[in-house]
Amino acid sequence: MSTPHVVVVMGVAGTGKTTIGPLLAAELGVPYAEGDDFHPAANIAKMSAGTPLDDTDRWPWLDAIGQWAHGRAGLGGVVSSSALKRVYRDRLRAEAPGAVFLHLTGDRTLIEERMADRKGHFMPTALLDSQFATLQPLQADEAGVAVDVSGTPEEITQRAVAALRRLDT
């Protein structure tokens, strides 16, 4: 990418945000921040218990991610955030107007299989349906790209880099 954007890696649970985010950051030569690290303990406890977050739970989390992204404006960075709804992405953009979104998309069956194989993650597969029900894909007026999550992490990362570079042309 010719300019140091902050890239928000978004998508439902299990699409590989935590895997692809650091790989993308390394490829772009910028720092990575794990979006889950911005959750307050109450959010982690709620999700661990199988209860979806509501918007009241998400606002402080999104604001913290947005503040990190704002601090990286002009420097570049990659941060993960499900950012499932347009209003969540709008909130992130309010803090970091130059942020671009990388929407990791894929077949529900593949994503569920990957979630089932994860070890030590607080998000149970039982919440996947609520994630898909909440998802509002990127709209034409939103800066970002969608990339399919089939293949290896390295293949996904290369597709993401290529798609993000096309944004700059």
C-alpha atoms as a PDB file:
ATOM      1  CA  MET A   1       0.000   0.000   0.000  1.00  0.00           C
ATOM      2  CA  SER A   2       1.357   3.400  -0.884  1.00  0.00           C
ATOM      3  CA  THR A   3      -0.007   5.169   2.211  1.00  0.00           C
ATOM      4  CA  PRO A   4       0.131   3.973   5.804  1.00  0.00           C
ATOM      5  CA  HIS A   5      -3.522   3.121   6.397  1.00  0.00           C
ATOM      6  CA  VAL A   6      -4.903   1.626   9.558  1.00  0.00           C
ATOM      7  CA  VAL A   7      -6.566  -1.612   8.465  1.00  0.00           C
ATOM      8  CA  VAL A   8      -9.390  -3.037  10.573  1.00  0.00           C
ATOM      9  CA  VAL A   9      -9.619  -6.795   9.979  1.00  0.00           C
ATOM     10  CA  MET A  10     -13.300  -7.596  10.409  1.00  0.00           C
ATOM     11  CA  GLY A  11     -15.677 -10.529  10.144  1.00  0.00           C
ATOM     12  CA  VAL A  12     -17.613 -13.044  12.157  1.00  0.00           C
ATOM     13  CA  ALA A  13     -15.887 -15.166  14.783  1.00  0.00           C
ATOM     14  CA  GLY A  14     -13.752 -17.908  13.284  1.00  0.00           C
ATOM     15  CA  THR A  15     -12.830 -16.154  10.029  1.00  0.00           C
ATOM     16  CA  GLY A  16      -9.217 -15.828  11.128  1.00  0.00           C
ATOM     17  CA  LYS A  17      -8.922 -12.208  12.229  1.00  0.00           C
ATOM     18  CA  THR A  18      -6.342 -13.135  14.882  1.00  0.00           C
ATOM     19  CA  THR A  19      -4.378 -15.255  12.408  1.00  0.00           C
ATOM     20  CA  ILE A  20      -4.533 -12.980   9.364  1.00  0.00           C
ATOM     21  CA  GLY A  21      -4.139  -9.697  11.261  1.00  0.00           C
ATOM     22  CA  PRO A  22      -0.545 -10.300  12.429  1.00  0.00           C
ATOM     23  CA  LEU A  23       0.432 -11.799   9.058  1.00  0.00           C
ATOM     24  CA  LEU A  24      -0.983  -8.762   7.263  1.00  0.00           C
ATOM     25  CA  ALA A  25       0.747  -6.374   9.666  1.00  0.00           C
ATOM     26  CA  ALA A  26       4.069  -8.142   9.099  1.00  0.00           C
ATOM     27  CA  GLU A  27       3.585  -8.005   5.333  1.00  0.00           C
ATOM     28  CA  LEU A  28       2.796  -4.266   5.509  1.00  0.00           C
ATOM     29  CA  GLY A  29       5.536  -3.524   8.058  1.00  0.00           C
ATOM     30  CA  VAL A  30       3.181  -2.005  10.637  1.00  0.00           C
ATOM     31  CA  PRO A  31       2.150  -2.959  14.199  1.00  0.00           C
ATOM     32  CA  TYR A  32      -0.764  -5.266  14.992  1.00  0.00           C
ATOM     33  CA  ALA A  33      -3.258  -4.868  17.831  1.00  0.00           C
ATOM     34  CA  GLU A  34      -5.545  -7.728  18.854  1.00  0.00           C
ATOM     35  CA  GLY A  35      -9.078  -6.381  19.108  1.00  0.00           C
ATOM     36  CA  ASP A  36     -10.057  -8.891  21.779  1.00  0.00           C
ATOM     37  CA  ASP A  37      -7.485  -7.274  24.081  1.00  0.00           C
ATOM     38  CA  PHE A  38      -9.606  -4.103  24.118  1.00  0.00           C
ATOM     39  CA  HIS A  39     -12.643  -5.915  25.612  1.00  0.00           C
ATOM     40  CA  PRO A  40     -13.396  -5.198  29.259  1.00  0.00           C
ATOM     41  CA  ALA A  41     -13.394  -8.290  31.495  1.00  0.00           C
ATOM     42  CA  ALA A  42     -17.210  -8.181  31.723  1.00  0.00           C
ATOM     43  CA  ASN A  43     -17.480  -8.627  27.938  1.00  0.00           C
ATOM     44  CA  ILE A  44     -15.137 -11.634  27.979  1.00  0.00           C
ATOM     45  CA  ALA A  45     -17.140 -13.213  30.811  1.00  0.00           C
ATOM     46  CA  LYS A  46     -20.411 -12.638  28.987  1.00  0.00           C
ATOM     47  CA  MET A  47     -19.180 -14.181  25.722  1.00  0.00           C
ATOM     48  CA  SER A  48     -17.498 -17.068  27.572  1.00  0.00           C
ATOM     49  CA  ALA A  49     -20.885 -17.863  29.085  1.00  0.00           C
ATOM     50  CA  GLY A  50     -22.376 -18.057  25.581  1.00  0.00           C
ATOM     51  CA  THR A  51     -24.228 -14.735  25.809  1.00  0.00           C
ATOM     52  CA  PRO A  52     -23.918 -12.385  22.834  1.00  0.00           C
ATOM     53  CA  LEU A  53     -22.831  -8.832  23.542  1.00  0.00           C
ATOM     54  CA  ASP A  54     -25.335  -6.037  23.080  1.00  0.00           C
ATOM     55  CA  ASP A  55     -24.522  -2.606  21.718  1.00  0.00           C
ATOM     56  CA  THR A  56     -24.104  -1.139  25.213  1.00  0.00           C
ATOM     57  CA  ASP A  57     -21.349  -3.708  25.797  1.00  0.00           C
ATOM     58  CA  ARG A  58     -19.674  -2.910  22.489  1.00  0.00           C
ATOM     59  CA  TRP A  59     -19.447   0.910  22.611  1.00  0.00           C
ATOM     60  CA  PRO A  60     -16.513   1.172  25.067  1.00  0.00           C
ATOM     61  CA  TRP A  61     -14.724  -1.652  23.220  1.00  0.00           C
ATOM     62  CA  LEU A  62     -15.178   0.025  19.838  1.00  0.00           C
ATOM     63  CA  ASP A  63     -14.107   3.386  21.256  1.00  0.00           C
ATOM     64  CA  ALA A  64     -10.891   1.845  22.628  1.00  0.00           C
ATOM     65  CA  ILE A  65     -10.104   0.259  19.250  1.00  0.00           C
ATOM     66  CA  GLY A  66     -10.915   3.537  17.509  1.00  0.00           C
ATOM     67  CA  GLN A  67      -8.581   5.435  19.839  1.00  0.00           C
ATOM     68  CA  TRP A  68      -5.750   3.010  19.057  1.00  0.00           C
ATOM     69  CA  ALA A  69      -6.435   3.406  15.318  1.00  0.00           C
ATOM     70  CA  HIS A  70      -6.524   7.199  15.682  1.00  0.00           C
ATOM     71  CA  GLY A  71      -3.117   7.077  17.357  1.00  0.00           C
ATOM     72  CA  ARG A  72      -1.764   5.173  14.345  1.00  0.00           C
ATOM     73  CA  ALA A  73      -3.202   7.603  11.751  1.00  0.00           C
ATOM     74  CA  GLY A  74      -0.526   8.423   9.186  1.00  0.00           C
ATOM     75  CA  LEU A  75       1.708   5.693  10.611  1.00  0.00           C
ATOM     76  CA  GLY A  76      -0.296   2.616   9.664  1.00  0.00           C
ATOM     77  CA  GLY A  77      -1.377  -0.361  11.665  1.00  0.00           C
ATOM     78  CA  VAL A  78      -3.614  -3.410  11.663  1.00  0.00           C
ATOM     79  CA  VAL A  79      -6.232  -4.120  14.319  1.00  0.00           C
ATOM     80  CA  SER A  80      -8.875  -6.825  14.529  1.00  0.00           C
ATOM     81  CA  SER A  81     -12.509  -6.108  15.340  1.00  0.00           C
ATOM     82  CA  SER A  82     -15.586  -8.033  14.324  1.00  0.00           C
ATOM     83  CA  ALA A  83     -17.159  -4.687  13.233  1.00  0.00           C
ATOM     84  CA  LEU A  84     -20.220  -6.643  12.158  1.00  0.00           C
ATOM     85  CA  LYS A  85     -22.655  -3.725  11.847  1.00  0.00           C
ATOM     86  CA  ARG A  86     -22.343  -0.555   9.812  1.00  0.00           C
ATOM     87  CA  VAL A  87     -22.956   1.498  12.946  1.00  0.00           C
ATOM     88  CA  TYR A  88     -19.921  -0.162  14.591  1.00  0.00           C
ATOM     89  CA  ARG A  89     -17.732   0.673  11.604  1.00  0.00           C
ATOM     90  CA  ASP A  90     -19.109   4.225  11.625  1.00  0.00           C
ATOM     91  CA  ARG A  91     -18.130   4.500  15.283  1.00  0.00           C
ATOM     92  CA  LEU A  92     -14.600   3.293  14.484  1.00  0.00           C
ATOM     93  CA  ARG A  93     -14.370   5.759  11.581  1.00  0.00           C
ATOM     94  CA  ALA A  94     -15.517   8.587  13.873  1.00  0.00           C
ATOM     95  CA  GLU A  95     -12.313   8.025  15.883  1.00  0.00           C
ATOM     96  CA  ALA A  96     -10.121   7.074  12.908  1.00  0.00           C
ATOM     97  CA  PRO A  97     -11.560   8.549   9.684  1.00  0.00           C
ATOM     98  CA  GLY A  98      -8.840   7.098   7.448  1.00  0.00           C
ATOM     99  CA  ALA A  99      -9.342   3.494   8.561  1.00  0.00           C
ATOM    100  CA  VAL A 100     -10.003   0.894   5.879  1.00  0.00           C
ATOM    101  CA  PHE A 101     -11.713  -2.443   6.453  1.00  0.00           C
ATOM    102  CA  LEU A 102     -10.630  -5.911   5.426  1.00  0.00           C
ATOM    103  CA  HIS A 103     -13.738  -8.090   5.638  1.00  0.00           C
ATOM    104  CA  LEU A 104     -12.809 -11.758   5.971  1.00  0.00           C
ATOM    105  CA  THR A 105     -15.673 -13.748   4.480  1.00  0.00           C
ATOM    106  CA  GLY A 106     -16.344 -17.401   3.976  1.00  0.00           C
ATOM    107  CA  ASP A 107     -18.605 -20.385   3.960  1.00  0.00           C
ATOM    108  CA  ARG A 108     -20.377 -20.891   7.300  1.00  0.00           C
ATOM    109  CA  THR A 109     -19.449 -24.591   7.432  1.00  0.00           C
ATOM    110  CA  LEU A 110     -15.740 -23.842   6.962  1.00  0.00           C
ATOM    111  CA  ILE A 111     -15.846 -21.118   9.605  1.00  0.00           C
ATOM    112  CA  GLU A 112     -17.636 -23.390  12.097  1.00  0.00           C
ATOM    113  CA  GLU A 113     -15.040 -26.131  11.511  1.00  0.00           C
ATOM    114  CA  ARG A 114     -12.222 -23.680  12.159  1.00  0.00           C
ATOM    115  CA  MET A 115     -13.915 -22.418  15.315  1.00  0.00           C
ATOM    116  CA  ALA A 116     -14.332 -25.983  16.590  1.00  0.00           C
ATOM    117  CA  ASP A 117     -10.595 -26.578  16.078  1.00  0.00           C
ATOM    118  CA  ARG A 118      -9.555 -23.503  18.088  1.00  0.00           C
ATOM    119  CA  LYS A 119      -8.104 -24.050  21.522  1.00  0.00           C
ATOM    120  CA  GLY A 120      -8.385 -21.631  24.410  1.00  0.00           C
ATOM    121  CA  HIS A 121     -10.635 -19.024  22.770  1.00  0.00           C
ATOM    122  CA  PHE A 122     -13.554 -17.568  24.706  1.00  0.00           C
ATOM    123  CA  MET A 123     -16.010 -17.448  21.769  1.00  0.00           C
ATOM    124  CA  PRO A 124     -18.085 -20.653  21.583  1.00  0.00           C
ATOM    125  CA  THR A 125     -19.387 -21.946  18.246  1.00  0.00           C
ATOM    126  CA  ALA A 126     -22.903 -21.531  19.685  1.00  0.00           C
ATOM    127  CA  LEU A 127     -22.600 -17.782  19.064  1.00  0.00           C
ATOM    128  CA  LEU A 128     -21.812 -18.167  15.359  1.00  0.00           C
ATOM    129  CA  ASP A 129     -25.469 -17.947  14.322  1.00  0.00           C
ATOM    130  CA  SER A 130     -25.868 -14.653  16.185  1.00  0.00           C
ATOM    131  CA  GLN A 131     -22.705 -13.361  14.493  1.00  0.00           C
ATOM    132  CA  PHE A 132     -24.054 -14.142  11.009  1.00  0.00           C
ATOM    133  CA  ALA A 133     -27.467 -12.702  11.923  1.00  0.00           C
ATOM    134  CA  THR A 134     -25.798  -9.446  13.017  1.00  0.00           C
ATOM    135  CA  LEU A 135     -23.389  -9.161  10.068  1.00  0.00           C
ATOM    136  CA  GLN A 136     -23.917  -6.251   7.699  1.00  0.00           C
ATOM    137  CA  PRO A 137     -21.316  -6.585   4.918  1.00  0.00           C
ATOM    138  CA  LEU A 138     -19.301  -3.578   3.783  1.00  0.00           C
ATOM    139  CA  GLN A 139     -21.297  -1.158   1.658  1.00  0.00           C
ATOM    140  CA  ALA A 140     -20.083   0.470  -1.558  1.00  0.00           C
ATOM    141  CA  ASP A 141     -19.464   3.791   0.237  1.00  0.00           C
ATOM    142  CA  GLU A 142     -17.206   2.196   2.877  1.00  0.00           C
ATOM    143  CA  ALA A 143     -13.446   2.099   2.330  1.00  0.00           C
ATOM    144  CA  GLY A 144     -12.530  -1.555   2.351  1.00  0.00           C
ATOM    145  CA  VAL A 145     -12.363  -4.910   0.641  1.00  0.00           C
ATOM    146  CA  ALA A 146     -13.755  -8.395   1.182  1.00  0.00           C
ATOM    147  CA  VAL A 147     -11.462 -11.419   0.981  1.00  0.00           C
ATOM    148  CA  ASP A 148     -12.490 -15.075   1.082  1.00  0.00           C
ATOM    149  CA  VAL A 149     -10.955 -17.155   3.884  1.00  0.00           C
ATOM    150  CA  SER A 150     -10.547 -20.395   1.994  1.00  0.00           C
ATOM    151  CA  GLY A 151      -6.961 -21.596   1.665  1.00  0.00           C
ATOM    152  CA  THR A 152      -3.942 -21.213   3.900  1.00  0.00           C
ATOM    153  CA  PRO A 153      -3.344 -18.169   6.079  1.00  0.00           C
ATOM    154  CA  GLU A 154      -0.508 -17.153   3.763  1.00  0.00           C
ATOM    155  CA  GLU A 155      -2.783 -17.358   0.683  1.00  0.00           C
ATOM    156  CA  ILE A 156      -5.484 -15.329   2.428  1.00  0.00           C
ATOM    157  CA  THR A 157      -2.908 -12.723   3.468  1.00  0.00           C
ATOM    158  CA  GLN A 158      -1.568 -12.401  -0.074  1.00  0.00           C
ATOM    159  CA  ARG A 159      -5.117 -11.929  -1.420  1.00  0.00           C
ATOM    160  CA  ALA A 160      -5.710  -9.305   1.260  1.00  0.00           C
ATOM    161  CA  VAL A 161      -2.525  -7.392   0.444  1.00  0.00           C
ATOM    162  CA  ALA A 162      -3.386  -7.418  -3.274  1.00  0.00           C
ATOM    163  CA  ALA A 163      -6.965  -6.238  -2.608  1.00  0.00           C
ATOM    164  CA  LEU A 164      -5.816  -3.468  -0.261  1.00  0.00           C
ATOM    165  CA  ARG A 165      -3.226  -2.287  -2.781  1.00  0.00           C
ATOM    166  CA  ARG A 166      -6.016  -1.949  -5.367  1.00  0.00           C
ATOM    167  CA  LEU A 167      -7.731   0.508  -3.024  1.00  0.00           C
ATOM    168  CA  ASP A 168      -4.783   2.869  -3.486  1.00  0.00           C
ATOM    169  CA  THR A 169      -4.919   2.862  -7.285  1.00  0.00           C
END
